[in-house]
């Protein structure tokens, strides 16, 4: 779909140190463009770009992606065999140095659109005959960005806990969780200056950690 995955020529690229541009990919799970989660992600990416990273945001809710059907064909092919718009996303995920998983909190978890993408990343894990496994996500930095209507930070803890298990299984480097409670109306997060500043701080940090 046009405009869903940003063309390479339009991505923000900065290289203040003369070295490799670190790649930060945001998987944006909200179906609401310029909603609260989207605004936070943009702040993170802007700061990461200013810190010399190459950044890209994918609105996964705009993509036609089927759920995993547990066919296990990927055990042989090492990539998902289902031909949908996830195929365009795999190379971006593999090439990224850092991944941002972003979503509003729905029923104490992420949106169905982001969960579908997470499930389809299963094919990046290779299981070996000796009982061990390797992952093409290994070593990548990971950041969670969420927004929620409820005011208690505990509302997002279940999602964070399950994702931390996922990151650990894939041997990823979990950086942390930016969460803004108490926001529902579109753009309401703009009233939370502390969270906007925190988002920019995470952007600078993720650029550095991705490079490390």
N, C-alpha and C. Protein backbone atom coordinates (compact mmCIF):
# COMPACT_ATOMS: atom_id res chain seq x y z
N UNK A 1 0.84 -1.20 0.00
CA UNK A 1 0.00 0.00 0.00
C UNK A 1 0.88 1.25 0.00
N UNK A 2 0.55 2.18 -0.85
CA UNK A 2 1.34 3.39 -0.96
C UNK A 2 1.30 4.17 0.34
N UNK A 3 2.49 4.58 0.79
CA UNK A 3 2.59 5.39 2.00
C UNK A 3 2.67 4.60 3.27
N UNK A 4 2.52 3.29 3.21
CA UNK A 4 2.54 2.48 4.42
C UNK A 4 3.98 2.19 4.84
N UNK A 5 4.80 1.75 3.89
CA UNK A 5 6.21 1.54 4.16
C UNK A 5 6.97 2.62 3.41
N UNK A 6 7.64 3.47 4.16
CA UNK A 6 8.25 4.66 3.58
C UNK A 6 9.37 4.29 2.61
N UNK A 7 9.39 4.84 1.40
CA UNK A 7 10.48 4.57 0.48
C UNK A 7 11.82 4.98 1.06
N UNK A 8 12.87 4.25 0.70
CA UNK A 8 14.19 4.49 1.28
C UNK A 8 14.64 5.93 1.07
N UNK A 9 14.31 6.51 -0.07
CA UNK A 9 14.76 7.86 -0.36
C UNK A 9 14.15 8.90 0.56
N UNK A 10 13.02 8.55 1.20
CA UNK A 10 12.34 9.50 2.07
C UNK A 10 12.65 9.27 3.55
N UNK A 11 13.42 8.25 3.86
CA UNK A 11 13.76 8.01 5.26
C UNK A 11 14.71 9.07 5.75
N UNK A 12 14.66 9.35 7.03
CA UNK A 12 15.57 10.34 7.60
C UNK A 12 16.93 9.69 7.84
N UNK A 13 17.96 10.31 7.32
CA UNK A 13 19.31 9.77 7.48
C UNK A 13 20.24 10.86 8.00
N UNK A 14 20.93 10.56 9.07
CA UNK A 14 21.90 11.48 9.63
C UNK A 14 23.16 10.69 9.93
N UNK A 15 24.31 11.33 9.74
CA UNK A 15 25.56 10.65 10.01
C UNK A 15 26.55 11.68 10.52
N UNK A 16 26.39 12.02 11.78
CA UNK A 16 27.24 13.06 12.34
C UNK A 16 28.62 12.58 12.72
N UNK A 17 28.85 11.27 12.72
CA UNK A 17 30.12 10.74 13.17
C UNK A 17 30.94 10.16 12.04
N UNK A 18 30.44 10.20 10.82
CA UNK A 18 31.19 9.67 9.70
C UNK A 18 31.22 8.17 9.63
N UNK A 19 30.42 7.48 10.40
CA UNK A 19 30.43 6.03 10.42
C UNK A 19 29.13 5.45 9.88
N UNK A 20 28.90 4.20 10.21
CA UNK A 20 27.71 3.51 9.75
C UNK A 20 26.45 4.14 10.34
N UNK A 21 25.45 4.32 9.51
CA UNK A 21 24.16 4.79 10.02
C UNK A 21 23.44 3.64 10.69
N UNK A 22 23.12 3.78 11.96
CA UNK A 22 22.40 2.75 12.67
C UNK A 22 20.93 2.81 12.26
N UNK A 23 20.34 1.65 12.07
CA UNK A 23 18.98 1.56 11.57
C UNK A 23 18.01 1.28 12.72
N UNK A 24 17.04 2.15 12.87
CA UNK A 24 16.00 2.01 13.89
C UNK A 24 14.66 1.87 13.17
N UNK A 25 13.99 0.76 13.40
CA UNK A 25 12.70 0.48 12.75
C UNK A 25 11.60 0.45 13.80
N UNK A 26 10.58 1.26 13.61
CA UNK A 26 9.42 1.27 14.51
C UNK A 26 8.28 0.50 13.87
N UNK A 27 7.78 -0.50 14.58
CA UNK A 27 6.60 -1.25 14.16
C UNK A 27 5.42 -0.64 14.90
N UNK A 28 4.69 0.20 14.21
CA UNK A 28 3.64 1.00 14.82
C UNK A 28 2.31 0.25 14.73
N UNK A 29 1.79 -0.21 15.87
CA UNK A 29 0.64 -1.08 15.89
C UNK A 29 -0.71 -0.41 15.98
N UNK A 30 -0.74 0.89 16.18
CA UNK A 30 -2.03 1.56 16.32
C UNK A 30 -2.67 1.78 14.96
N UNK A 31 -3.98 1.55 14.84
CA UNK A 31 -4.69 1.86 13.59
C UNK A 31 -5.00 3.35 13.46
N UNK A 32 -4.71 4.11 14.50
CA UNK A 32 -5.05 5.54 14.51
C UNK A 32 -3.80 6.37 14.24
N UNK A 33 -3.73 6.95 13.03
CA UNK A 33 -2.58 7.78 12.66
C UNK A 33 -2.61 9.09 13.46
N UNK A 34 -1.42 9.48 13.93
CA UNK A 34 -1.25 10.66 14.76
C UNK A 34 -2.08 10.61 16.03
N UNK A 35 -2.32 9.39 16.50
CA UNK A 35 -2.87 9.21 17.83
C UNK A 35 -1.77 9.31 18.86
N UNK A 36 -2.06 8.98 20.09
CA UNK A 36 -1.12 9.19 21.18
C UNK A 36 0.15 8.34 21.04
N UNK A 37 -0.02 7.07 20.71
CA UNK A 37 1.15 6.21 20.54
C UNK A 37 1.99 6.67 19.35
N UNK A 38 1.34 7.03 18.28
CA UNK A 38 2.03 7.48 17.07
C UNK A 38 2.84 8.74 17.34
N UNK A 39 2.29 9.65 18.10
CA UNK A 39 3.00 10.89 18.45
C UNK A 39 4.25 10.57 19.26
N UNK A 40 4.13 9.67 20.23
CA UNK A 40 5.30 9.29 21.03
C UNK A 40 6.38 8.67 20.16
N UNK A 41 5.97 7.78 19.25
CA UNK A 41 6.94 7.13 18.37
C UNK A 41 7.66 8.16 17.50
N UNK A 42 6.92 9.13 16.98
CA UNK A 42 7.54 10.17 16.16
C UNK A 42 8.58 10.95 16.96
N UNK A 43 8.31 11.22 18.21
CA UNK A 43 9.28 11.93 19.05
C UNK A 43 10.54 11.08 19.24
N UNK A 44 10.35 9.78 19.47
CA UNK A 44 11.50 8.89 19.62
C UNK A 44 12.33 8.87 18.35
N UNK A 45 11.67 8.72 17.22
CA UNK A 45 12.39 8.62 15.94
C UNK A 45 13.08 9.92 15.57
N UNK A 46 12.44 11.05 15.85
CA UNK A 46 13.07 12.33 15.55
C UNK A 46 14.38 12.50 16.31
N UNK A 47 14.35 12.15 17.58
CA UNK A 47 15.56 12.28 18.39
C UNK A 47 16.63 11.27 17.97
N UNK A 48 16.21 10.07 17.60
CA UNK A 48 17.17 9.07 17.13
C UNK A 48 17.83 9.53 15.84
N UNK A 49 17.04 10.14 14.94
CA UNK A 49 17.59 10.65 13.69
C UNK A 49 18.60 11.77 13.96
N UNK A 50 18.27 12.64 14.90
CA UNK A 50 19.19 13.72 15.25
C UNK A 50 20.48 13.18 15.85
N UNK A 51 20.40 11.97 16.41
CA UNK A 51 21.58 11.32 17.01
C UNK A 51 22.29 10.41 16.00
N UNK A 52 22.06 10.64 14.72
CA UNK A 52 22.79 9.99 13.63
C UNK A 52 22.25 8.63 13.21
N UNK A 53 21.03 8.31 13.58
CA UNK A 53 20.43 7.04 13.16
C UNK A 53 19.62 7.22 11.89
N UNK A 54 19.47 6.13 11.15
CA UNK A 54 18.53 6.07 10.03
C UNK A 54 17.25 5.46 10.58
N UNK A 55 16.13 6.16 10.46
CA UNK A 55 14.91 5.72 11.10
C UNK A 55 13.80 5.49 10.08
N UNK A 56 12.92 4.57 10.43
CA UNK A 56 11.76 4.28 9.59
C UNK A 56 10.62 3.79 10.47
N UNK A 57 9.41 4.21 10.12
CA UNK A 57 8.21 3.77 10.83
C UNK A 57 7.30 3.04 9.86
N UNK A 58 6.82 1.89 10.27
CA UNK A 58 5.87 1.12 9.47
C UNK A 58 4.54 1.06 10.22
N UNK A 59 3.48 1.54 9.57
CA UNK A 59 2.14 1.46 10.15
C UNK A 59 1.59 0.07 9.83
N UNK A 60 1.78 -0.86 10.74
CA UNK A 60 1.45 -2.25 10.42
C UNK A 60 -0.05 -2.46 10.26
N UNK A 61 -0.86 -1.58 10.82
CA UNK A 61 -2.31 -1.71 10.67
C UNK A 61 -2.75 -1.48 9.23
N UNK A 62 -1.90 -0.84 8.43
CA UNK A 62 -2.23 -0.59 7.03
C UNK A 62 -1.84 -1.74 6.12
N UNK A 63 -1.13 -2.71 6.66
CA UNK A 63 -0.65 -3.82 5.85
C UNK A 63 -1.62 -4.99 5.88
N UNK A 64 -1.68 -5.71 4.79
CA UNK A 64 -2.49 -6.93 4.71
C UNK A 64 -1.61 -8.10 5.15
N UNK A 65 -1.71 -8.47 6.42
CA UNK A 65 -0.87 -9.52 6.99
C UNK A 65 -1.75 -10.56 7.66
N UNK A 66 -1.61 -11.80 7.24
CA UNK A 66 -2.36 -12.91 7.83
C UNK A 66 -1.73 -13.33 9.15
N UNK A 67 -2.53 -13.92 9.99
CA UNK A 67 -2.00 -14.48 11.22
C UNK A 67 -1.23 -15.76 10.95
N UNK A 68 -0.30 -16.08 11.83
CA UNK A 68 0.44 -17.34 11.74
C UNK A 68 -0.55 -18.51 11.81
N UNK A 69 -0.36 -19.51 10.93
CA UNK A 69 -1.27 -20.66 10.90
C UNK A 69 -0.60 -21.93 11.42
N UNK A 70 0.59 -21.78 12.02
CA UNK A 70 1.30 -22.91 12.63
C UNK A 70 1.54 -24.06 11.64
N UNK A 71 1.88 -23.70 10.41
CA UNK A 71 2.17 -24.74 9.41
C UNK A 71 3.60 -25.28 9.57
N UNK A 72 4.46 -24.51 10.21
CA UNK A 72 5.85 -24.88 10.49
C UNK A 72 6.67 -25.10 9.22
N UNK A 73 6.21 -24.58 8.08
CA UNK A 73 7.03 -24.65 6.87
C UNK A 73 8.32 -23.88 7.05
N UNK A 74 8.31 -22.89 7.91
CA UNK A 74 9.51 -22.07 8.13
C UNK A 74 10.64 -22.87 8.77
N UNK A 75 10.32 -24.00 9.37
CA UNK A 75 11.38 -24.85 9.92
C UNK A 75 12.31 -25.34 8.81
N UNK A 76 11.78 -25.44 7.60
CA UNK A 76 12.58 -25.89 6.46
C UNK A 76 13.09 -24.72 5.63
N UNK A 77 12.24 -23.71 5.45
CA UNK A 77 12.59 -22.61 4.55
C UNK A 77 13.33 -21.48 5.24
N UNK A 78 13.17 -21.37 6.59
CA UNK A 78 13.73 -20.30 7.41
C UNK A 78 13.13 -18.93 7.09
N UNK A 79 12.07 -18.91 6.34
CA UNK A 79 11.25 -17.72 6.15
C UNK A 79 9.80 -18.17 5.98
N UNK A 80 8.88 -17.28 6.32
CA UNK A 80 7.47 -17.62 6.18
C UNK A 80 7.11 -17.82 4.71
N UNK A 81 6.34 -18.86 4.43
CA UNK A 81 5.99 -19.18 3.05
C UNK A 81 4.74 -18.44 2.58
N UNK A 82 4.03 -17.78 3.49
CA UNK A 82 2.79 -17.11 3.11
C UNK A 82 3.09 -15.78 2.45
N UNK A 83 2.55 -15.59 1.28
CA UNK A 83 2.85 -14.42 0.47
C UNK A 83 1.83 -13.31 0.72
N UNK A 84 2.18 -12.44 1.63
CA UNK A 84 1.38 -11.25 1.90
C UNK A 84 2.35 -10.10 2.17
N UNK A 85 1.85 -9.02 2.72
CA UNK A 85 2.71 -7.84 2.88
C UNK A 85 3.74 -7.97 3.99
N UNK A 86 3.69 -9.05 4.75
CA UNK A 86 4.74 -9.31 5.72
C UNK A 86 6.07 -9.56 5.01
N UNK A 87 6.01 -10.05 3.78
CA UNK A 87 7.24 -10.35 3.05
C UNK A 87 8.07 -9.09 2.81
N UNK A 88 7.43 -7.95 2.67
CA UNK A 88 8.16 -6.69 2.50
C UNK A 88 8.75 -6.20 3.82
N UNK A 89 8.20 -6.70 4.92
CA UNK A 89 8.65 -6.25 6.23
C UNK A 89 9.84 -7.04 6.75
N UNK A 90 9.94 -8.33 6.39
CA UNK A 90 11.03 -9.16 6.90
C UNK A 90 12.42 -8.56 6.64
N UNK A 91 12.74 -8.12 5.42
CA UNK A 91 14.09 -7.57 5.19
C UNK A 91 14.39 -6.35 6.05
N UNK A 92 13.37 -5.54 6.32
CA UNK A 92 13.55 -4.35 7.15
C UNK A 92 13.84 -4.74 8.59
N UNK A 93 13.11 -5.74 9.10
CA UNK A 93 13.33 -6.22 10.46
C UNK A 93 14.73 -6.81 10.60
N UNK A 94 15.13 -7.62 9.65
CA UNK A 94 16.44 -8.27 9.70
C UNK A 94 17.56 -7.24 9.62
N UNK A 95 17.38 -6.21 8.81
CA UNK A 95 18.42 -5.20 8.62
C UNK A 95 18.53 -4.22 9.78
N UNK A 96 17.49 -4.10 10.59
CA UNK A 96 17.47 -3.10 11.66
C UNK A 96 18.44 -3.45 12.78
N UNK A 97 19.04 -2.42 13.36
CA UNK A 97 19.86 -2.59 14.56
C UNK A 97 19.01 -2.47 15.82
N UNK A 98 17.90 -1.76 15.71
CA UNK A 98 16.99 -1.59 16.85
C UNK A 98 15.56 -1.63 16.36
N UNK A 99 14.70 -2.25 17.15
CA UNK A 99 13.28 -2.37 16.83
C UNK A 99 12.45 -1.71 17.93
N UNK A 100 11.48 -0.90 17.52
CA UNK A 100 10.53 -0.32 18.45
C UNK A 100 9.18 -1.00 18.23
N UNK A 101 8.65 -1.59 19.27
CA UNK A 101 7.33 -2.21 19.21
C UNK A 101 6.36 -1.25 19.90
N UNK A 102 5.46 -0.66 19.12
CA UNK A 102 4.61 0.42 19.64
C UNK A 102 3.14 0.09 19.47
N UNK A 103 2.36 0.35 20.53
CA UNK A 103 0.94 0.03 20.47
C UNK A 103 0.20 0.71 21.61
N UNK A 104 -1.05 1.12 21.38
CA UNK A 104 -1.92 1.42 22.52
C UNK A 104 -2.24 0.11 23.23
N UNK A 105 -2.60 0.21 24.49
CA UNK A 105 -2.94 -0.98 25.25
C UNK A 105 -4.41 -1.31 25.06
N UNK A 106 -4.67 -2.47 24.49
CA UNK A 106 -6.03 -2.98 24.29
C UNK A 106 -6.19 -4.24 25.15
N UNK A 107 -7.11 -4.22 26.10
CA UNK A 107 -7.37 -5.40 26.94
C UNK A 107 -6.06 -5.92 27.54
N UNK A 108 -5.25 -5.00 28.05
CA UNK A 108 -4.00 -5.31 28.75
C UNK A 108 -2.93 -5.88 27.84
N UNK A 109 -3.08 -5.70 26.53
CA UNK A 109 -2.06 -6.19 25.61
C UNK A 109 -1.96 -5.21 24.43
N UNK A 110 -1.21 -5.59 23.41
CA UNK A 110 -1.07 -4.73 22.23
C UNK A 110 -2.26 -4.94 21.30
N UNK A 111 -2.31 -4.18 20.23
CA UNK A 111 -3.37 -4.34 19.24
C UNK A 111 -3.22 -5.67 18.50
N UNK A 112 -4.31 -6.12 17.92
CA UNK A 112 -4.27 -7.36 17.14
C UNK A 112 -3.33 -7.23 15.95
N UNK A 113 -3.24 -6.03 15.39
CA UNK A 113 -2.38 -5.83 14.22
C UNK A 113 -0.91 -6.04 14.57
N UNK A 114 -0.47 -5.51 15.70
CA UNK A 114 0.93 -5.70 16.09
C UNK A 114 1.18 -7.13 16.53
N UNK A 115 0.23 -7.73 17.24
CA UNK A 115 0.41 -9.12 17.67
C UNK A 115 0.57 -10.05 16.48
N UNK A 116 -0.15 -9.77 15.40
CA UNK A 116 -0.01 -10.59 14.19
C UNK A 116 1.41 -10.52 13.65
N UNK A 117 1.99 -9.33 13.63
CA UNK A 117 3.37 -9.17 13.16
C UNK A 117 4.34 -9.91 14.08
N UNK A 118 4.15 -9.77 15.39
CA UNK A 118 5.02 -10.45 16.34
C UNK A 118 4.98 -11.96 16.13
N UNK A 119 3.78 -12.50 15.95
CA UNK A 119 3.65 -13.95 15.72
C UNK A 119 4.37 -14.37 14.45
N UNK A 120 4.30 -13.55 13.42
CA UNK A 120 4.90 -13.91 12.14
C UNK A 120 6.44 -13.80 12.17
N UNK A 121 7.01 -13.23 13.22
CA UNK A 121 8.47 -13.20 13.36
C UNK A 121 9.03 -14.54 13.83
N UNK A 122 8.14 -15.47 14.14
CA UNK A 122 8.57 -16.80 14.59
C UNK A 122 9.51 -17.47 13.59
N UNK A 123 9.31 -17.17 12.31
CA UNK A 123 10.12 -17.83 11.28
C UNK A 123 11.58 -17.42 11.32
N UNK A 124 11.91 -16.37 12.09
CA UNK A 124 13.29 -15.92 12.18
C UNK A 124 14.10 -16.72 13.21
N UNK A 125 13.43 -17.67 13.86
CA UNK A 125 14.11 -18.55 14.82
C UNK A 125 14.41 -19.88 14.13
N UNK A 126 15.64 -20.33 14.24
CA UNK A 126 16.04 -21.62 13.66
C UNK A 126 16.36 -22.60 14.79
N UNK A 127 15.69 -23.75 14.75
CA UNK A 127 15.90 -24.79 15.76
C UNK A 127 16.86 -25.85 15.22
N UNK A 128 17.80 -26.25 16.06
CA UNK A 128 18.84 -27.18 15.65
C UNK A 128 18.60 -28.57 16.25
N UNK A 129 19.22 -29.56 15.66
CA UNK A 129 18.99 -30.95 16.07
C UNK A 129 19.44 -31.22 17.50
N UNK A 130 20.36 -30.42 18.02
CA UNK A 130 20.85 -30.65 19.38
C UNK A 130 19.99 -29.96 20.44
N UNK A 131 18.86 -29.41 20.03
CA UNK A 131 17.95 -28.79 20.97
C UNK A 131 18.18 -27.30 21.19
N UNK A 132 19.21 -26.74 20.57
CA UNK A 132 19.47 -25.31 20.69
C UNK A 132 18.76 -24.54 19.57
N UNK A 133 18.80 -23.25 19.65
CA UNK A 133 18.21 -22.43 18.61
C UNK A 133 19.00 -21.14 18.45
N UNK A 134 18.86 -20.55 17.27
CA UNK A 134 19.43 -19.23 16.99
C UNK A 134 18.32 -18.36 16.42
N UNK A 135 18.50 -17.06 16.54
CA UNK A 135 17.49 -16.12 16.06
C UNK A 135 18.15 -15.00 15.27
N UNK A 136 17.52 -14.63 14.18
CA UNK A 136 18.03 -13.50 13.41
C UNK A 136 17.69 -12.16 14.06
N UNK A 137 17.01 -12.22 15.20
CA UNK A 137 16.78 -11.01 15.99
C UNK A 137 17.85 -10.84 17.07
N UNK A 138 18.71 -11.81 17.22
CA UNK A 138 19.70 -11.79 18.29
C UNK A 138 20.59 -10.55 18.19
N UNK A 139 20.79 -9.90 19.34
CA UNK A 139 21.66 -8.74 19.41
C UNK A 139 20.99 -7.42 19.09
N UNK A 140 19.78 -7.45 18.55
CA UNK A 140 19.09 -6.20 18.23
C UNK A 140 18.56 -5.55 19.50
N UNK A 141 18.61 -4.23 19.54
CA UNK A 141 18.02 -3.49 20.66
C UNK A 141 16.50 -3.45 20.48
N UNK A 142 15.77 -3.44 21.59
CA UNK A 142 14.31 -3.43 21.54
C UNK A 142 13.76 -2.43 22.55
N UNK A 143 12.79 -1.65 22.11
CA UNK A 143 12.13 -0.67 22.95
C UNK A 143 10.63 -0.83 22.80
N UNK A 144 9.89 -0.73 23.90
CA UNK A 144 8.43 -0.73 23.88
C UNK A 144 7.92 0.69 24.05
N UNK A 145 6.91 1.06 23.27
CA UNK A 145 6.25 2.35 23.40
C UNK A 145 4.75 2.10 23.45
N UNK A 146 4.09 2.54 24.51
CA UNK A 146 2.66 2.30 24.67
C UNK A 146 1.96 3.55 25.21
N UNK A 147 0.65 3.60 24.98
CA UNK A 147 -0.21 4.61 25.57
C UNK A 147 -1.50 3.91 25.99
N UNK A 148 -2.17 4.45 27.00
CA UNK A 148 -3.35 3.76 27.53
C UNK A 148 -4.31 4.74 28.17
N UNK A 149 -5.59 4.37 28.19
CA UNK A 149 -6.60 5.21 28.82
C UNK A 149 -6.52 5.14 30.34
N UNK A 150 -6.32 3.95 30.89
CA UNK A 150 -6.27 3.80 32.34
C UNK A 150 -5.08 4.54 32.93
N UNK A 151 -5.22 5.01 34.15
CA UNK A 151 -4.18 5.84 34.76
C UNK A 151 -3.11 5.01 35.46
N UNK A 152 -3.38 3.75 35.74
CA UNK A 152 -2.39 2.92 36.44
C UNK A 152 -1.35 2.37 35.47
N UNK A 153 -0.06 2.58 35.76
CA UNK A 153 0.99 2.00 34.91
C UNK A 153 0.93 0.48 34.86
N UNK A 154 0.30 -0.14 35.86
CA UNK A 154 0.22 -1.60 35.90
C UNK A 154 -0.58 -2.17 34.73
N UNK A 155 -1.40 -1.34 34.10
CA UNK A 155 -2.22 -1.80 32.98
C UNK A 155 -1.36 -2.35 31.84
N UNK A 156 -0.18 -1.81 31.66
CA UNK A 156 0.70 -2.23 30.56
C UNK A 156 1.72 -3.28 30.98
N UNK A 157 1.70 -3.68 32.25
CA UNK A 157 2.75 -4.58 32.75
C UNK A 157 2.67 -5.97 32.12
N UNK A 158 1.46 -6.45 31.85
CA UNK A 158 1.33 -7.79 31.27
C UNK A 158 1.96 -7.83 29.88
N UNK A 159 1.67 -6.81 29.08
CA UNK A 159 2.26 -6.74 27.75
C UNK A 159 3.78 -6.65 27.84
N UNK A 160 4.26 -5.79 28.73
CA UNK A 160 5.71 -5.65 28.88
C UNK A 160 6.34 -6.97 29.33
N UNK A 161 5.70 -7.64 30.29
CA UNK A 161 6.26 -8.89 30.78
C UNK A 161 6.37 -9.96 29.72
N UNK A 162 5.33 -10.09 28.90
CA UNK A 162 5.36 -11.11 27.86
C UNK A 162 6.39 -10.76 26.78
N UNK A 163 6.52 -9.48 26.46
CA UNK A 163 7.49 -9.07 25.46
C UNK A 163 8.92 -9.25 25.96
N UNK A 164 9.14 -9.03 27.24
CA UNK A 164 10.47 -9.26 27.80
C UNK A 164 10.86 -10.73 27.67
N UNK A 165 9.90 -11.63 27.85
CA UNK A 165 10.17 -13.06 27.64
C UNK A 165 10.52 -13.33 26.18
N UNK A 166 9.80 -12.68 25.28
CA UNK A 166 10.05 -12.83 23.85
C UNK A 166 11.44 -12.31 23.49
N UNK A 167 11.80 -11.15 24.01
CA UNK A 167 13.12 -10.58 23.74
C UNK A 167 14.22 -11.48 24.28
N UNK A 168 14.01 -12.01 25.46
CA UNK A 168 15.00 -12.89 26.07
C UNK A 168 15.17 -14.16 25.24
N UNK A 169 14.08 -14.72 24.78
CA UNK A 169 14.14 -15.95 23.98
C UNK A 169 14.92 -15.73 22.69
N UNK A 170 14.76 -14.54 22.11
CA UNK A 170 15.45 -14.20 20.86
C UNK A 170 16.82 -13.58 21.10
N UNK A 171 17.20 -13.49 22.38
CA UNK A 171 18.50 -12.92 22.78
C UNK A 171 18.67 -11.49 22.28
N UNK A 172 17.60 -10.74 22.41
CA UNK A 172 17.63 -9.32 22.07
C UNK A 172 18.03 -8.50 23.28
N UNK A 173 18.39 -7.27 23.05
CA UNK A 173 18.82 -6.37 24.12
C UNK A 173 17.66 -5.43 24.46
N UNK A 174 16.90 -5.78 25.51
CA UNK A 174 15.74 -4.99 25.90
C UNK A 174 16.19 -3.71 26.58
N UNK A 175 15.78 -2.57 26.03
CA UNK A 175 16.20 -1.28 26.56
C UNK A 175 15.25 -0.75 27.62
N UNK A 176 13.94 -0.91 27.40
CA UNK A 176 13.00 -0.39 28.37
C UNK A 176 11.64 -0.12 27.75
N UNK A 177 10.82 0.62 28.49
CA UNK A 177 9.41 0.79 28.15
C UNK A 177 9.00 2.23 28.38
N UNK A 178 8.57 2.90 27.34
CA UNK A 178 7.98 4.23 27.44
C UNK A 178 6.46 4.06 27.41
N UNK A 179 5.80 4.42 28.49
CA UNK A 179 4.35 4.27 28.59
C UNK A 179 3.73 5.56 29.07
N UNK A 180 2.63 5.97 28.43
CA UNK A 180 1.91 7.15 28.88
C UNK A 180 0.50 6.75 29.31
N UNK A 181 0.24 6.67 30.61
CA UNK A 181 -1.12 6.35 31.09
C UNK A 181 -2.03 7.58 31.02
N UNK A 182 -3.33 7.32 31.06
CA UNK A 182 -4.30 8.39 31.20
C UNK A 182 -4.56 9.21 29.96
N UNK A 183 -4.38 8.60 28.78
CA UNK A 183 -4.66 9.33 27.53
C UNK A 183 -5.62 8.52 26.67
N UNK A 184 -6.62 9.16 26.14
CA UNK A 184 -7.61 8.49 25.29
C UNK A 184 -7.87 9.29 24.01
N UNK A 185 -8.23 10.56 24.17
CA UNK A 185 -8.54 11.37 22.99
C UNK A 185 -7.31 11.56 22.12
N UNK A 186 -7.53 11.63 20.84
CA UNK A 186 -6.44 11.78 19.88
C UNK A 186 -5.63 13.04 20.18
N UNK A 187 -4.32 12.87 20.35
CA UNK A 187 -3.43 14.00 20.61
C UNK A 187 -3.34 14.40 22.07
N UNK A 188 -4.04 13.69 22.94
CA UNK A 188 -4.04 14.06 24.36
C UNK A 188 -2.64 13.96 24.98
N UNK A 189 -1.80 13.12 24.41
CA UNK A 189 -0.44 12.95 24.93
C UNK A 189 0.36 14.25 24.83
N UNK A 190 -0.05 15.16 23.97
CA UNK A 190 0.66 16.43 23.82
C UNK A 190 0.57 17.29 25.08
N UNK A 191 -0.36 16.96 25.96
CA UNK A 191 -0.47 17.67 27.23
C UNK A 191 0.53 17.14 28.26
N UNK A 192 1.19 16.01 27.94
CA UNK A 192 2.11 15.37 28.88
C UNK A 192 3.55 15.66 28.44
N UNK A 193 4.00 16.85 28.78
CA UNK A 193 5.33 17.28 28.34
C UNK A 193 6.42 16.35 28.85
N UNK A 194 6.22 15.79 30.05
CA UNK A 194 7.22 14.89 30.60
C UNK A 194 7.39 13.65 29.73
N UNK A 195 6.30 13.13 29.18
CA UNK A 195 6.38 11.95 28.32
C UNK A 195 6.98 12.28 26.95
N UNK A 196 6.72 13.46 26.46
CA UNK A 196 7.32 13.88 25.19
C UNK A 196 8.83 14.02 25.33
N UNK A 197 9.26 14.56 26.47
CA UNK A 197 10.70 14.67 26.73
C UNK A 197 11.32 13.30 26.94
N UNK A 198 10.59 12.42 27.63
CA UNK A 198 11.08 11.06 27.83
C UNK A 198 11.22 10.33 26.50
N UNK A 199 10.28 10.58 25.59
CA UNK A 199 10.35 9.95 24.27
C UNK A 199 11.60 10.38 23.54
N UNK A 200 11.93 11.66 23.58
CA UNK A 200 13.14 12.15 22.93
C UNK A 200 14.39 11.57 23.59
N UNK A 201 14.35 11.42 24.89
CA UNK A 201 15.49 10.81 25.58
C UNK A 201 15.68 9.37 25.13
N UNK A 202 14.59 8.63 24.98
CA UNK A 202 14.69 7.25 24.49
C UNK A 202 15.23 7.22 23.06
N UNK A 203 14.87 8.21 22.26
CA UNK A 203 15.38 8.26 20.90
C UNK A 203 16.89 8.39 20.86
N UNK A 204 17.41 9.26 21.70
CA UNK A 204 18.87 9.42 21.77
C UNK A 204 19.53 8.15 22.29
N UNK A 205 18.90 7.55 23.29
CA UNK A 205 19.48 6.35 23.89
C UNK A 205 19.45 5.14 22.95
N UNK A 206 18.35 5.01 22.21
CA UNK A 206 18.25 3.85 21.33
C UNK A 206 19.24 3.95 20.18
N UNK A 207 19.53 5.18 19.73
CA UNK A 207 20.52 5.36 18.67
C UNK A 207 21.90 4.93 19.15
N UNK A 208 22.22 5.27 20.37
CA UNK A 208 23.52 4.92 20.94
C UNK A 208 23.62 3.43 21.20
N UNK A 209 22.54 2.85 21.77
CA UNK A 209 22.57 1.42 22.10
C UNK A 209 22.57 0.56 20.84
N UNK A 210 21.88 1.02 19.80
CA UNK A 210 21.90 0.28 18.55
C UNK A 210 23.30 0.26 17.97
N UNK A 211 24.02 1.37 18.13
CA UNK A 211 25.38 1.44 17.63
C UNK A 211 26.33 0.59 18.45
N UNK A 212 25.96 0.34 19.72
CA UNK A 212 26.82 -0.44 20.61
C UNK A 212 26.54 -1.91 20.56
